[in-house]
Amino acid sequence: MSARPTILLTGATGVVGSALLPMLGRHFRVISLTRRARVESEQVHGDIARPRLGLDQMTYRTLCEQVDFVIHAAAVTDFAAGAQTTQELNVAGTGRICDFTADSEARLLYVSTAFVARAELTRSATGSDLREAIARPEDYLDSKRAAEALVGASGVPAAIIRPSVVIGDSVTGRIVRLQGLHMIASAVLKNQLPLVPLEPSSRIDFIPQDVVARALTALVRAGIPDGVYWLSAGPQALTAQSMLGFCLATAQRLGIAVTAPRLVVPDMVERLIRPVFIDPLPPTARRRFDDLLAMTALFSGAPPFPTSLGAIPGTQAPTPHALESSFAASVRYLALAKGLIDERAAELTEVAA
């Protein structure tokens, strides 16, 4: 291994990769594998779903000779992408990355998801009627579980990373692509969500992207010790009730008038609310609500995730104050991105926070 080790990074333009790339660049030589996108590092254009990562034989061999570590963060995360597309990239693609890691005699850091531990909570797993939902969390979770199994069976030295919901930067809230939690918060800010199908005490585990990036960087600097690492808020995760309260308080500071939605246990939704209020809605609105049910099923009544933050050198255990502050930053950024406030209002509330 050279004095400045070389990393092959997939998913450099994603939520985790975009935060990770500049941190890695301070300590390592980084080569990003992308299909077409341009990034601020050395890069090669390829395709993880194809043999030899879509590279010609000479390029592949040269890359194998140079790479010391592989960080595989590329994945289909869209719950509506479909089982076939999700399997092709998340499972077959991970198999190709394992092959490359073995050929280069490198160590692998595979970015999975904490929600592999909650696959039994998806609505399809519990036998619930999916109705008109196009969101299928089970396709994503099945692919991640299969990919973890591939990594474990590959024989390559590897660590598996399980982040919970990844939100924007802990200070600015900025994120390259809005996530499902942002969509729910956006609906609250726009008064489009009169109720949320969640028990008030359900813990909504999220972690800022820069916290994830620092943890991954620390693991690479430690040589990627084998094991499974949970990047989550763990027992400190905020409840649905407290998160809604912080969302409303931040909206008030931003000057956005919001009517507080009601948190309703899912069973009540099916028995009492759907027949009267949901079924008469237009198809698009019904589908949006069923997608929301599909996503919130992964949180309702679930036990807390474990967390490795604080145990990984260079990281800190999550605190309620840090989580509240980062969530408020994400709400500010969301309101700005959606045109609900202007730059001046965002700056003023950031200073006040």
Foldseek 3Di string as FASTA:
>chain_A
DDQAAEEEEEPCLAQQNVLQVVVSVVRHQYEYEDQDDDDDHHYDHAALLDALRRDPPVVSLVVLQRHAEYEYDDADPFQLPDLVVRQSCLASSLLNVLVSCVSSLHEYEYEAALLLVQLCLFCVNVVHDLPQASGHVNSRSVSRVNSVVSNVPSPRHYEYEHEYAEFEALQQRDGSDDDPVLVVLVCQLVQNAQEAQADQQFFRKYDYSNLVSQLVSLCVVVVNHYYYFYAILFPQGDGNNVLLVLSCVLCVLLVGDGDRHYHHHNVCCVPPVCVPPQVVDPPVSNNVVSNSVRVNSSTHPDHTGDHCACVRPPGHRDHNVSVSSSSSSSSLVSCPVVVVHHPVSSVVSSVVD
